[in-house]
Amino acid sequence: MKRVTLLLAFIFALATAPAMAGYSVTVNGKTTTYAKKDKEYWTAVWYAKRGLTYRGGAKSTKKKRVRRKSLVRKASASRRPAKRIKKSKRRSSGGGGVVANIDLSSQTMNVYKNGVHQYTWKISSGRKGYGTPTGSWRIHRMHKEYYSKKYDNAPMPYAMFYHRGFAVHGTNSISRLGRPASHGCIRLHPKNAATLFSMVRRHGGRVKVSY
């Protein structure tokens, strides 16, 4: 009976000896013993083969994961499209260039350059029987000196044609400015017509006629 007990004790000692001894791995001169060949053990082996520093433990692994997440967030943030900045509304609906806004009710012209008001001038539009059409057009033809082919060769200095035969131009009938007096064109003081002519020639322009 004693022999059987001793034999069983010997067999048990042989079976448990490796487990009790554990598995050792040396990394950077530091030897660490593991109870079993788990994930931590094989990680230490991988670091030992490459001569890298391995501190071990679940804490260091967690830090690496957190760092990776932060890098992913930074990368995704860099790929986000920039927010569009809303453009402020201009003080005039005319947009860029030169815009001559003509009010037939008040017989005035307000001149804007790049949306900023520049001048307010008196005008003369078409008198009774000679209407001035309303709308918005681009000035497409300009003549510093021009004479009407339809109305007895009447002078039209600084003529700026915007719609068919209608134009903005200077006039010698300065006393009539501020009330309807033309055959349909928009009349201006010659000095004001020259100023507008120079602006449109440099920046381009539009004419807007309304009541």
N, C-alpha and C. Protein backbone atom coordinates (compact mmCIF):
# COMPACT_ATOMS: atom_id res chain seq x y z
N MET A 1 0.84 -1.19 0.00
CA MET A 1 0.00 0.00 0.00
C MET A 1 0.88 1.26 0.00
N LYS A 2 1.92 1.21 0.79
CA LYS A 2 2.83 2.34 0.85
C LYS A 2 3.51 2.57 -0.49
N ARG A 3 3.83 1.46 -1.16
CA ARG A 3 4.47 1.59 -2.46
C ARG A 3 3.55 2.27 -3.48
N VAL A 4 2.28 1.91 -3.46
CA VAL A 4 1.30 2.51 -4.38
C VAL A 4 1.16 4.00 -4.09
N THR A 5 1.14 4.35 -2.83
CA THR A 5 0.99 5.77 -2.46
C THR A 5 2.19 6.57 -2.89
N LEU A 6 3.39 6.02 -2.68
CA LEU A 6 4.60 6.71 -3.10
C LEU A 6 4.66 6.88 -4.62
N LEU A 7 4.21 5.82 -5.32
CA LEU A 7 4.21 5.88 -6.79
C LEU A 7 3.26 6.97 -7.30
N LEU A 8 2.08 7.05 -6.70
CA LEU A 8 1.12 8.08 -7.12
C LEU A 8 1.65 9.48 -6.81
N ALA A 9 2.33 9.59 -5.65
CA ALA A 9 2.88 10.90 -5.28
C ALA A 9 3.98 11.32 -6.23
N PHE A 10 4.77 10.35 -6.69
CA PHE A 10 5.84 10.64 -7.63
C PHE A 10 5.29 11.09 -8.98
N ILE A 11 4.25 10.35 -9.43
CA ILE A 11 3.62 10.69 -10.72
C ILE A 11 3.00 12.09 -10.65
N PHE A 12 2.36 12.42 -9.55
CA PHE A 12 1.72 13.74 -9.37
C PHE A 12 2.77 14.85 -9.36
N ALA A 13 3.93 14.56 -8.74
CA ALA A 13 5.01 15.55 -8.69
C ALA A 13 5.55 15.84 -10.07
N LEU A 14 5.68 14.75 -10.88
CA LEU A 14 6.16 14.94 -12.25
C LEU A 14 5.17 15.76 -13.08
N ALA A 15 3.88 15.52 -12.87
CA ALA A 15 2.85 16.19 -13.67
C ALA A 15 2.73 17.67 -13.32
N THR A 16 2.92 17.99 -12.09
CA THR A 16 2.73 19.38 -11.64
C THR A 16 4.01 20.20 -11.64
N ALA A 17 5.13 19.55 -11.82
CA ALA A 17 6.41 20.27 -11.75
C ALA A 17 6.52 21.39 -12.80
N PRO A 18 6.21 21.16 -14.10
CA PRO A 18 6.33 22.24 -15.10
C PRO A 18 5.41 23.40 -14.80
N ALA A 19 4.18 23.08 -14.32
CA ALA A 19 3.23 24.14 -14.04
C ALA A 19 3.69 25.01 -12.91
N MET A 20 4.27 24.37 -11.89
CA MET A 20 4.73 25.12 -10.74
C MET A 20 5.96 25.96 -11.10
N ALA A 21 6.81 25.41 -12.01
CA ALA A 21 8.00 26.14 -12.42
C ALA A 21 7.64 27.33 -13.30
N GLY A 22 6.60 27.20 -14.16
CA GLY A 22 6.17 28.28 -15.04
C GLY A 22 7.06 28.41 -16.26
N TYR A 23 6.80 29.50 -17.04
CA TYR A 23 7.53 29.75 -18.28
C TYR A 23 8.17 31.12 -18.18
N SER A 24 9.47 31.18 -18.37
CA SER A 24 10.22 32.42 -18.19
C SER A 24 10.59 33.02 -19.54
N VAL A 25 10.54 34.37 -19.61
CA VAL A 25 10.93 35.12 -20.82
C VAL A 25 11.78 36.29 -20.36
N THR A 26 12.92 36.50 -21.03
CA THR A 26 13.82 37.59 -20.68
C THR A 26 13.72 38.69 -21.74
N VAL A 27 13.32 39.87 -21.30
CA VAL A 27 13.18 41.02 -22.19
C VAL A 27 14.01 42.16 -21.61
N ASN A 28 15.01 42.63 -22.42
CA ASN A 28 15.90 43.72 -21.97
C ASN A 28 16.56 43.43 -20.63
N GLY A 29 17.00 42.19 -20.45
CA GLY A 29 17.71 41.81 -19.23
C GLY A 29 16.81 41.52 -18.05
N LYS A 30 15.51 41.67 -18.20
CA LYS A 30 14.59 41.41 -17.11
C LYS A 30 13.82 40.13 -17.41
N THR A 31 13.89 39.17 -16.47
CA THR A 31 13.24 37.87 -16.65
C THR A 31 11.89 37.87 -15.94
N THR A 32 10.87 37.50 -16.68
CA THR A 32 9.52 37.43 -16.13
C THR A 32 9.01 36.01 -16.28
N THR A 33 8.40 35.46 -15.22
CA THR A 33 7.88 34.09 -15.23
C THR A 33 6.36 34.13 -15.34
N TYR A 34 5.83 33.32 -16.27
CA TYR A 34 4.39 33.24 -16.50
C TYR A 34 3.90 31.85 -16.13
N ALA A 35 2.73 31.77 -15.54
CA ALA A 35 2.17 30.48 -15.11
C ALA A 35 1.80 29.61 -16.29
N LYS A 36 1.39 30.26 -17.40
CA LYS A 36 1.01 29.48 -18.57
C LYS A 36 1.33 30.27 -19.84
N LYS A 37 1.31 29.55 -20.93
CA LYS A 37 1.62 30.21 -22.19
C LYS A 37 0.35 30.89 -22.75
N ASP A 38 0.01 32.01 -22.11
CA ASP A 38 -1.19 32.73 -22.55
C ASP A 38 -0.78 33.88 -23.48
N LYS A 39 -1.70 34.78 -23.71
CA LYS A 39 -1.46 35.90 -24.62
C LYS A 39 -0.32 36.78 -24.12
N GLU A 40 -0.27 37.00 -22.82
CA GLU A 40 0.76 37.84 -22.24
C GLU A 40 2.14 37.22 -22.45
N TYR A 41 2.22 35.92 -22.32
CA TYR A 41 3.49 35.21 -22.49
C TYR A 41 4.00 35.36 -23.92
N TRP A 42 3.10 35.07 -24.89
CA TRP A 42 3.53 35.12 -26.29
C TRP A 42 3.84 36.55 -26.74
N THR A 43 3.19 37.52 -26.13
CA THR A 43 3.52 38.93 -26.42
C THR A 43 4.93 39.25 -25.96
N ALA A 44 5.29 38.77 -24.75
CA ALA A 44 6.64 38.99 -24.23
C ALA A 44 7.68 38.29 -25.11
N VAL A 45 7.36 37.10 -25.58
CA VAL A 45 8.26 36.37 -26.48
C VAL A 45 8.50 37.17 -27.75
N TRP A 46 7.41 37.74 -28.31
CA TRP A 46 7.51 38.51 -29.55
C TRP A 46 8.43 39.71 -29.36
N TYR A 47 8.28 40.44 -28.21
CA TYR A 47 9.13 41.58 -27.92
C TYR A 47 10.58 41.15 -27.71
N ALA A 48 10.78 39.98 -27.03
CA ALA A 48 12.13 39.50 -26.75
C ALA A 48 12.87 39.18 -28.05
N LYS A 49 12.20 38.58 -29.03
CA LYS A 49 12.84 38.22 -30.29
C LYS A 49 13.28 39.45 -31.07
N ARG A 50 12.56 40.57 -30.90
CA ARG A 50 12.87 41.78 -31.66
C ARG A 50 13.69 42.80 -30.86
N GLY A 51 14.01 42.45 -29.63
CA GLY A 51 14.82 43.34 -28.82
C GLY A 51 14.12 44.62 -28.43
N LEU A 52 12.77 44.60 -28.36
CA LEU A 52 12.00 45.78 -28.02
C LEU A 52 11.68 45.80 -26.53
N THR A 53 11.32 47.01 -26.05
CA THR A 53 10.96 47.15 -24.65
C THR A 53 9.50 46.78 -24.46
N TYR A 54 9.26 45.89 -23.51
CA TYR A 54 7.89 45.47 -23.21
C TYR A 54 7.65 45.58 -21.71
N ARG A 55 6.69 46.43 -21.34
CA ARG A 55 6.42 46.63 -19.92
C ARG A 55 5.42 45.62 -19.39
N GLY A 56 4.63 45.06 -20.27
CA GLY A 56 3.68 44.03 -19.86
C GLY A 56 2.49 44.60 -19.13
N GLY A 57 1.48 43.74 -18.94
CA GLY A 57 0.29 44.15 -18.20
C GLY A 57 -0.79 44.69 -19.11
N ALA A 58 -2.02 44.56 -18.64
CA ALA A 58 -3.15 45.01 -19.44
C ALA A 58 -3.24 46.52 -19.51
N LYS A 59 -2.63 47.24 -18.53
CA LYS A 59 -2.72 48.68 -18.45
C LYS A 59 -2.05 49.34 -19.65
N SER A 60 -0.83 48.83 -20.03
CA SER A 60 -0.13 49.42 -21.15
C SER A 60 -0.89 49.20 -22.45
N THR A 61 -1.52 48.01 -22.58
CA THR A 61 -2.29 47.72 -23.78
C THR A 61 -3.46 48.67 -23.91
N LYS A 62 -4.11 49.00 -22.81
CA LYS A 62 -5.27 49.90 -22.81
C LYS A 62 -4.85 51.30 -23.25
N LYS A 63 -3.67 51.74 -22.81
CA LYS A 63 -3.19 53.05 -23.19
C LYS A 63 -2.98 53.14 -24.69
N LYS A 64 -2.43 52.06 -25.26
CA LYS A 64 -2.20 52.04 -26.70
C LYS A 64 -3.51 52.13 -27.46
N ARG A 65 -4.52 51.42 -26.98
CA ARG A 65 -5.82 51.45 -27.65
C ARG A 65 -6.44 52.84 -27.60
N VAL A 66 -6.32 53.48 -26.44
CA VAL A 66 -6.87 54.83 -26.31
C VAL A 66 -6.16 55.78 -27.26
N ARG A 67 -4.84 55.62 -27.38
CA ARG A 67 -4.07 56.47 -28.28
C ARG A 67 -4.49 56.25 -29.72
N ARG A 68 -4.73 55.00 -30.10
CA ARG A 68 -5.16 54.71 -31.46
C ARG A 68 -6.50 55.36 -31.75
N LYS A 69 -7.42 55.31 -30.76
CA LYS A 69 -8.73 55.94 -30.95
C LYS A 69 -8.60 57.44 -31.16
N SER A 70 -7.70 58.07 -30.39
CA SER A 70 -7.52 59.51 -30.53
C SER A 70 -6.94 59.86 -31.89
N LEU A 71 -6.03 59.01 -32.40
CA LEU A 71 -5.48 59.24 -33.73
C LEU A 71 -6.54 59.10 -34.80
N VAL A 72 -7.43 58.11 -34.64
CA VAL A 72 -8.52 57.93 -35.59
C VAL A 72 -9.44 59.14 -35.59
N ARG A 73 -9.74 59.67 -34.39
CA ARG A 73 -10.60 60.85 -34.30
C ARG A 73 -9.97 62.05 -34.98
N LYS A 74 -8.65 62.25 -34.78
CA LYS A 74 -7.96 63.36 -35.42
C LYS A 74 -7.97 63.23 -36.93
N ALA A 75 -7.77 62.00 -37.43
CA ALA A 75 -7.76 61.77 -38.87
C ALA A 75 -9.13 62.04 -39.47
N SER A 76 -10.20 61.58 -38.79
CA SER A 76 -11.55 61.80 -39.30
C SER A 76 -11.91 63.28 -39.27
N ALA A 77 -11.41 63.98 -38.24
CA ALA A 77 -11.70 65.42 -38.14
C ALA A 77 -11.01 66.19 -39.27
N SER A 78 -9.79 65.74 -39.66
CA SER A 78 -9.07 66.42 -40.73
C SER A 78 -9.74 66.22 -42.07
N ARG A 79 -10.52 65.12 -42.20
CA ARG A 79 -11.19 64.86 -43.47
C ARG A 79 -12.55 65.54 -43.57
N ARG A 80 -13.01 66.13 -42.47
CA ARG A 80 -14.31 66.79 -42.51
C ARG A 80 -14.24 68.05 -43.36
N PRO A 81 -15.25 68.29 -44.17
CA PRO A 81 -15.25 69.49 -45.00
C PRO A 81 -15.37 70.74 -44.15
N ALA A 82 -14.67 71.78 -44.57
CA ALA A 82 -14.72 73.04 -43.83
C ALA A 82 -16.11 73.64 -43.89
N LYS A 83 -16.52 74.27 -42.80
CA LYS A 83 -17.83 74.88 -42.75
C LYS A 83 -17.88 76.07 -43.70
N ARG A 84 -18.97 76.15 -44.42
CA ARG A 84 -19.14 77.26 -45.34
C ARG A 84 -19.52 78.52 -44.59
N ILE A 85 -18.82 79.57 -44.91
CA ILE A 85 -19.11 80.85 -44.28
C ILE A 85 -20.13 81.58 -45.14
N LYS A 86 -21.24 81.95 -44.54
CA LYS A 86 -22.28 82.64 -45.27
C LYS A 86 -21.80 84.04 -45.65
N LYS A 87 -21.97 84.35 -46.91
CA LYS A 87 -21.58 85.67 -47.38
C LYS A 87 -22.60 86.70 -46.91
N SER A 88 -22.08 87.82 -46.48
CA SER A 88 -22.98 88.89 -46.04
C SER A 88 -23.70 89.49 -47.23
N LYS A 89 -24.94 89.88 -47.01
CA LYS A 89 -25.74 90.46 -48.08
C LYS A 89 -25.18 91.83 -48.47
N ARG A 90 -25.15 92.07 -49.75
CA ARG A 90 -24.69 93.37 -50.22
C ARG A 90 -25.77 94.42 -49.94
N ARG A 91 -25.32 95.66 -49.94
CA ARG A 91 -26.26 96.74 -49.69
C ARG A 91 -27.12 97.02 -50.90
N SER A 92 -26.77 96.43 -52.04
CA SER A 92 -27.61 96.56 -53.23
C SER A 92 -27.72 95.20 -53.87
N SER A 93 -28.85 94.94 -54.52
CA SER A 93 -29.05 93.65 -55.19
C SER A 93 -28.34 93.60 -56.53
N GLY A 94 -27.58 94.63 -56.85
CA GLY A 94 -26.95 94.70 -58.15
C GLY A 94 -25.77 93.78 -58.31
N GLY A 95 -25.11 93.34 -57.22
CA GLY A 95 -23.95 92.47 -57.31
C GLY A 95 -22.70 93.27 -57.67
N GLY A 96 -21.76 92.63 -58.40
CA GLY A 96 -20.50 93.27 -58.73
C GLY A 96 -20.64 94.23 -59.90
N GLY A 97 -19.55 94.98 -60.17
CA GLY A 97 -19.57 95.93 -61.26
C GLY A 97 -20.36 97.18 -60.91
N VAL A 98 -20.75 97.91 -61.96
CA VAL A 98 -21.51 99.15 -61.80
C VAL A 98 -22.98 98.88 -62.12
N VAL A 99 -23.85 99.33 -61.24
CA VAL A 99 -25.29 99.16 -61.44
C VAL A 99 -25.96 100.52 -61.30
N ALA A 100 -26.74 100.89 -62.30
CA ALA A 100 -27.51 102.14 -62.26
C ALA A 100 -28.96 101.79 -62.00
N ASN A 101 -29.43 102.02 -60.78
CA ASN A 101 -30.82 101.76 -60.40
C ASN A 101 -31.64 103.03 -60.65
N ILE A 102 -32.60 102.95 -61.56
CA ILE A 102 -33.39 104.11 -61.96
C ILE A 102 -34.79 103.97 -61.43
N ASP A 103 -35.23 104.95 -60.65
CA ASP A 103 -36.58 104.99 -60.10
C ASP A 103 -37.39 106.00 -60.89
N LEU A 104 -38.33 105.51 -61.70
CA LEU A 104 -39.13 106.40 -62.54
C LEU A 104 -40.09 107.26 -61.72
N SER A 105 -40.49 106.76 -60.55
CA SER A 105 -41.42 107.53 -59.70
C SER A 105 -40.76 108.80 -59.17
N SER A 106 -39.53 108.68 -58.70
CA SER A 106 -38.83 109.84 -58.13
C SER A 106 -37.92 110.52 -59.15
N GLN A 107 -37.80 109.94 -60.36
CA GLN A 107 -36.94 110.48 -61.41
C GLN A 107 -35.50 110.66 -60.89
N THR A 108 -35.00 109.59 -60.28
CA THR A 108 -33.64 109.60 -59.77
C THR A 108 -32.90 108.34 -60.20
N MET A 109 -31.58 108.43 -60.18
CA MET A 109 -30.71 107.29 -60.45
C MET A 109 -29.75 107.12 -59.28
N ASN A 110 -29.68 105.92 -58.74
CA ASN A 110 -28.72 105.58 -57.69
C ASN A 110 -27.66 104.67 -58.30
N VAL A 111 -26.42 105.08 -58.21
CA VAL A 111 -25.31 104.34 -58.82
C VAL A 111 -24.57 103.56 -57.75
N TYR A 112 -24.35 102.27 -58.01
CA TYR A 112 -23.63 101.39 -57.08
C TYR A 112 -22.42 100.80 -57.79
N LYS A 113 -21.35 100.66 -57.03
CA LYS A 113 -20.15 99.98 -57.52
C LYS A 113 -19.80 98.86 -56.56
N ASN A 114 -19.83 97.63 -57.06
CA ASN A 114 -19.59 96.44 -56.22
C ASN A 114 -20.50 96.42 -54.99
N GLY A 115 -21.75 96.86 -55.20
CA GLY A 115 -22.73 96.82 -54.14
C GLY A 115 -22.71 98.00 -53.19
N VAL A 116 -21.78 98.94 -53.38
CA VAL A 116 -21.66 100.09 -52.49
C VAL A 116 -22.18 101.33 -53.19
N HIS A 117 -23.06 102.07 -52.53
CA HIS A 117 -23.67 103.26 -53.13
C HIS A 117 -22.62 104.34 -53.37
N GLN A 118 -22.67 104.93 -54.59
CA GLN A 118 -21.71 105.96 -54.97
C GLN A 118 -22.37 107.32 -55.21
N TYR A 119 -23.46 107.34 -55.99
CA TYR A 119 -24.07 108.61 -56.37
C TYR A 119 -25.60 108.50 -56.41
N THR A 120 -26.25 109.67 -56.26
CA THR A 120 -27.68 109.81 -56.52
C THR A 120 -27.86 111.03 -57.41
N TRP A 121 -28.43 110.83 -58.60
CA TRP A 121 -28.57 111.91 -59.57
C TRP A 121 -30.01 112.04 -60.04
N LYS A 122 -30.37 113.23 -60.48
CA LYS A 122 -31.67 113.45 -61.11
C LYS A 122 -31.60 112.97 -62.56
N ILE A 123 -32.73 112.47 -63.05
CA ILE A 123 -32.80 112.01 -64.45
C ILE A 123 -34.09 112.53 -65.09
N SER A 124 -34.15 112.35 -66.38
CA SER A 124 -35.40 112.58 -67.12
C SER A 124 -35.67 111.32 -67.93
N SER A 125 -36.85 110.73 -67.72
CA SER A 125 -37.24 109.54 -68.49
C SER A 125 -38.24 109.96 -69.57
N GLY A 126 -38.85 108.98 -70.24
CA GLY A 126 -39.77 109.26 -71.34
C GLY A 126 -41.00 110.04 -70.90
N ARG A 127 -41.30 111.11 -71.61
CA ARG A 127 -42.49 111.90 -71.30
C ARG A 127 -43.74 111.20 -71.84
N LYS A 128 -44.88 111.80 -71.64
CA LYS A 128 -46.15 111.21 -72.05
C LYS A 128 -46.13 110.91 -73.55
N GLY A 129 -46.47 109.67 -73.88
CA GLY A 129 -46.43 109.22 -75.27
C GLY A 129 -45.13 108.56 -75.65
N TYR A 130 -44.11 108.67 -74.80
CA TYR A 130 -42.79 108.05 -75.05
C TYR A 130 -42.35 107.33 -73.77
N GLY A 131 -42.88 106.16 -73.55
CA GLY A 131 -42.59 105.44 -72.32
C GLY A 131 -41.16 104.91 -72.25
N THR A 132 -40.69 104.73 -71.03
CA THR A 132 -39.39 104.10 -70.76
C THR A 132 -39.65 102.71 -70.21
N PRO A 133 -39.19 101.65 -70.90
CA PRO A 133 -39.47 100.28 -70.44
C PRO A 133 -38.77 99.98 -69.11
N THR A 134 -39.42 99.14 -68.32
CA THR A 134 -38.82 98.72 -67.05
C THR A 134 -38.18 97.34 -67.21
N GLY A 135 -37.17 97.08 -66.40
CA GLY A 135 -36.46 95.79 -66.47
C GLY A 135 -35.01 95.97 -66.10
N SER A 136 -34.23 94.94 -66.36
CA SER A 136 -32.81 94.94 -66.04
C SER A 136 -32.03 94.47 -67.26
N TRP A 137 -31.02 95.24 -67.66
CA TRP A 137 -30.23 94.91 -68.85
C TRP A 137 -28.76 95.24 -68.63
N ARG A 138 -27.92 94.59 -69.39
CA ARG A 138 -26.49 94.88 -69.39
C ARG A 138 -26.20 95.94 -70.44
N ILE A 139 -25.36 96.90 -70.10
CA ILE A 139 -24.95 97.91 -71.07
C ILE A 139 -24.04 97.24 -72.09
N HIS A 140 -24.45 97.25 -73.36
CA HIS A 140 -23.74 96.46 -74.37
C HIS A 140 -23.06 97.31 -75.45
N ARG A 141 -23.36 98.63 -75.47
CA ARG A 141 -22.77 99.49 -76.51
C ARG A 141 -22.59 100.89 -75.95
N MET A 142 -21.42 101.50 -76.21
CA MET A 142 -21.11 102.82 -75.64
C MET A 142 -20.49 103.73 -76.70
N HIS A 143 -20.89 105.01 -76.68
CA HIS A 143 -20.35 106.00 -77.61
C HIS A 143 -20.16 107.31 -76.85
N LYS A 144 -18.93 107.82 -76.88
CA LYS A 144 -18.67 109.09 -76.19
C LYS A 144 -19.40 110.24 -76.87
N GLU A 145 -19.46 110.18 -78.19
CA GLU A 145 -20.22 111.16 -78.98
C GLU A 145 -21.21 110.40 -79.86
N TYR A 146 -22.46 110.77 -79.78
CA TYR A 146 -23.49 110.06 -80.56
C TYR A 146 -24.63 111.03 -80.86
N TYR A 147 -25.26 110.81 -82.05
CA TYR A 147 -26.39 111.64 -82.47
C TYR A 147 -27.54 110.73 -82.88
N SER A 148 -28.73 111.08 -82.41
CA SER A 148 -29.90 110.26 -82.64
C SER A 148 -30.24 110.17 -84.13
N LYS A 149 -30.40 108.93 -84.61
CA LYS A 149 -30.79 108.71 -86.00
C LYS A 149 -32.31 108.79 -86.17
N LYS A 150 -33.01 108.78 -85.05
CA LYS A 150 -34.48 108.75 -85.10
C LYS A 150 -35.10 110.12 -84.82
N TYR A 151 -34.43 110.93 -83.99
CA TYR A 151 -35.00 112.21 -83.58
C TYR A 151 -34.10 113.38 -83.99
N ASP A 152 -34.12 113.69 -85.26
CA ASP A 152 -33.51 114.90 -85.83
C ASP A 152 -32.04 115.09 -85.45
N ASN A 153 -31.32 114.00 -85.42
CA ASN A 153 -29.87 114.07 -85.16
C ASN A 153 -29.55 114.75 -83.82
N ALA A 154 -30.41 114.53 -82.83
CA ALA A 154 -30.24 115.15 -81.51
C ALA A 154 -28.98 114.60 -80.85
N PRO A 155 -28.19 115.48 -80.20
CA PRO A 155 -26.95 115.02 -79.54
C PRO A 155 -27.25 114.13 -78.33
N MET A 156 -26.47 113.04 -78.20
CA MET A 156 -26.58 112.10 -77.07
C MET A 156 -25.17 111.81 -76.54
N PRO A 157 -24.54 112.79 -75.88
CA PRO A 157 -23.17 112.57 -75.40
C PRO A 157 -23.12 111.48 -74.32
N TYR A 158 -22.02 110.74 -74.35
CA TYR A 158 -21.78 109.65 -73.39
C TYR A 158 -22.96 108.66 -73.39
N ALA A 159 -23.32 108.23 -74.58
CA ALA A 159 -24.45 107.31 -74.74
C ALA A 159 -24.05 105.90 -74.33
N MET A 160 -24.89 105.28 -73.50
CA MET A 160 -24.67 103.89 -73.04
C MET A 160 -25.95 103.10 -73.32
N PHE A 161 -25.93 102.33 -74.40
CA PHE A 161 -27.13 101.61 -74.82
C PHE A 161 -27.29 100.31 -74.02
N TYR A 162 -28.51 100.09 -73.54
CA TYR A 162 -28.76 98.91 -72.71
C TYR A 162 -29.91 98.04 -73.22
N HIS A 163 -30.85 98.61 -74.04
CA HIS A 163 -31.98 97.82 -74.53
C HIS A 163 -32.49 98.43 -75.82
N ARG A 164 -32.26 97.68 -76.93
CA ARG A 164 -32.67 98.17 -78.25
C ARG A 164 -32.09 99.57 -78.48
N GLY A 165 -32.99 100.58 -78.76
CA GLY A 165 -32.50 101.93 -78.99
C GLY A 165 -32.48 102.79 -77.75
N PHE A 166 -32.76 102.20 -76.59
CA PHE A 166 -32.80 102.97 -75.33
C PHE A 166 -31.39 103.05 -74.74
N ALA A 167 -31.08 104.25 -74.23
CA ALA A 167 -29.74 104.48 -73.70
C ALA A 167 -29.80 105.46 -72.54
N VAL A 168 -28.74 105.44 -71.76
CA VAL A 168 -28.49 106.48 -70.76
C VAL A 168 -27.49 107.43 -71.39
N HIS A 169 -27.78 108.73 -71.37
CA HIS A 169 -26.87 109.68 -72.01
C HIS A 169 -27.03 111.06 -71.38
N GLY A 170 -26.09 111.94 -71.70
CA GLY A 170 -26.14 113.31 -71.21
C GLY A 170 -27.13 114.14 -72.01
N THR A 171 -27.51 115.27 -71.45
CA THR A 171 -28.46 116.16 -72.11
C THR A 171 -28.12 117.62 -71.82
N ASN A 172 -28.51 118.49 -72.80
CA ASN A 172 -28.35 119.93 -72.59
C ASN A 172 -29.56 120.53 -71.89
N SER A 173 -30.65 119.76 -71.81
CA SER A 173 -31.87 120.24 -71.14
C SER A 173 -31.77 119.99 -69.64
N ILE A 174 -30.82 120.65 -69.02
CA ILE A 174 -30.53 120.42 -67.60
C ILE A 174 -31.70 120.85 -66.72
N SER A 175 -32.42 121.91 -67.13
CA SER A 175 -33.52 122.42 -66.32
C SER A 175 -34.68 121.44 -66.22
N ARG A 176 -34.75 120.49 -67.14
CA ARG A 176 -35.85 119.52 -67.13
C ARG A 176 -35.54 118.27 -66.32
N LEU A 177 -34.32 118.14 -65.85
CA LEU A 177 -33.95 116.97 -65.05
C LEU A 177 -34.79 116.94 -63.77
N GLY A 178 -35.26 115.75 -63.43
CA GLY A 178 -36.11 115.58 -62.26
C GLY A 178 -37.56 115.34 -62.63
N ARG A 179 -37.87 115.39 -63.95
CA ARG A 179 -39.23 115.10 -64.43
C ARG A 179 -39.14 114.47 -65.82
N PRO A 180 -40.16 113.72 -66.25
CA PRO A 180 -40.15 113.09 -67.57
C PRO A 180 -40.05 114.15 -68.68
N ALA A 181 -39.12 113.91 -69.61
CA ALA A 181 -38.94 114.91 -70.67
C ALA A 181 -38.34 114.33 -71.95
N SER A 182 -37.96 113.05 -71.95
CA SER A 182 -37.25 112.48 -73.10
C SER A 182 -38.18 111.71 -74.02
N HIS A 183 -37.58 111.16 -75.08
CA HIS A 183 -38.32 110.29 -76.00
C HIS A 183 -38.26 108.82 -75.56
N GLY A 184 -37.85 108.58 -74.33
CA GLY A 184 -37.78 107.22 -73.81
C GLY A 184 -36.44 106.88 -73.18
N CYS A 185 -35.38 107.59 -73.59
CA CYS A 185 -34.06 107.35 -73.01
C CYS A 185 -33.98 107.94 -71.60
N ILE A 186 -32.91 107.60 -70.92
CA ILE A 186 -32.64 108.15 -69.59
C ILE A 186 -31.61 109.26 -69.73
N ARG A 187 -32.03 110.48 -69.44
CA ARG A 187 -31.15 111.64 -69.55
C ARG A 187 -30.46 111.94 -68.21
N LEU A 188 -29.21 112.39 -68.32
CA LEU A 188 -28.42 112.79 -67.15
C LEU A 188 -27.74 114.13 -67.42
N HIS A 189 -27.33 114.79 -66.34
CA HIS A 189 -26.47 115.96 -66.49
C HIS A 189 -25.20 115.49 -67.20
N PRO A 190 -24.66 116.27 -68.14
CA PRO A 190 -23.48 115.84 -68.90
C PRO A 190 -22.30 115.41 -68.03
N LYS A 191 -22.07 116.12 -66.91
CA LYS A 191 -20.96 115.74 -66.02
C LYS A 191 -21.22 114.37 -65.38
N ASN A 192 -22.47 114.16 -64.96
CA ASN A 192 -22.82 112.86 -64.36
C ASN A 192 -22.75 111.74 -65.39
N ALA A 193 -23.18 112.04 -66.60
CA ALA A 193 -23.10 111.04 -67.67
C ALA A 193 -21.66 110.66 -67.96
N ALA A 194 -20.76 111.66 -67.93
CA ALA A 194 -19.34 111.39 -68.17
C ALA A 194 -18.75 110.52 -67.05
N THR A 195 -19.16 110.79 -65.81
CA THR A 195 -18.68 109.98 -64.67
C THR A 195 -19.15 108.54 -64.80
N LEU A 196 -20.44 108.35 -65.10
CA LEU A 196 -20.98 107.00 -65.24
C LEU A 196 -20.33 106.28 -66.42
N PHE A 197 -20.12 107.00 -67.53
CA PHE A 197 -19.49 106.43 -68.72
C PHE A 197 -18.11 105.87 -68.38
N SER A 198 -17.32 106.65 -67.63
CA SER A 198 -15.96 106.22 -67.25
C SER A 198 -16.00 104.98 -66.35
N MET A 199 -16.94 104.94 -65.40
CA MET A 199 -17.05 103.80 -64.49
C MET A 199 -17.43 102.52 -65.24
N VAL A 200 -18.41 102.64 -66.13
CA VAL A 200 -18.88 101.47 -66.88
C VAL A 200 -17.80 100.96 -67.83
N ARG A 201 -17.06 101.89 -68.43
CA ARG A 201 -16.00 101.48 -69.36
C ARG A 201 -14.92 100.68 -68.64
N ARG A 202 -14.66 100.99 -67.37
CA ARG A 202 -13.63 100.27 -66.62
C ARG A 202 -14.14 98.99 -65.96
N HIS A 203 -15.39 99.00 -65.51
CA HIS A 203 -15.89 97.88 -64.70
C HIS A 203 -17.09 97.14 -65.30
N GLY A 204 -17.62 97.64 -66.41
CA GLY A 204 -18.84 97.04 -66.93
C GLY A 204 -20.04 97.51 -66.11
N GLY A 205 -21.24 97.41 -66.69
CA GLY A 205 -22.37 97.91 -65.93
C GLY A 205 -23.71 97.37 -66.39
N ARG A 206 -24.71 97.60 -65.53
CA ARG A 206 -26.09 97.21 -65.80
C ARG A 206 -27.00 98.39 -65.50
N VAL A 207 -28.17 98.36 -66.14
CA VAL A 207 -29.19 99.36 -65.90
C VAL A 207 -30.44 98.65 -65.42
N LYS A 208 -31.00 99.11 -64.29
CA LYS A 208 -32.23 98.56 -63.74
C LYS A 208 -33.25 99.68 -63.65
N VAL A 209 -34.37 99.51 -64.35
CA VAL A 209 -35.41 100.53 -64.38
C VAL A 209 -36.66 99.99 -63.72
N SER A 210 -37.20 100.75 -62.76
CA SER A 210 -38.40 100.31 -62.06
C SER A 210 -39.15 101.53 -61.52
N TYR A 211 -40.36 101.29 -61.05
CA TYR A 211 -41.16 102.35 -60.43
C TYR A 211 -41.04 102.28 -58.92
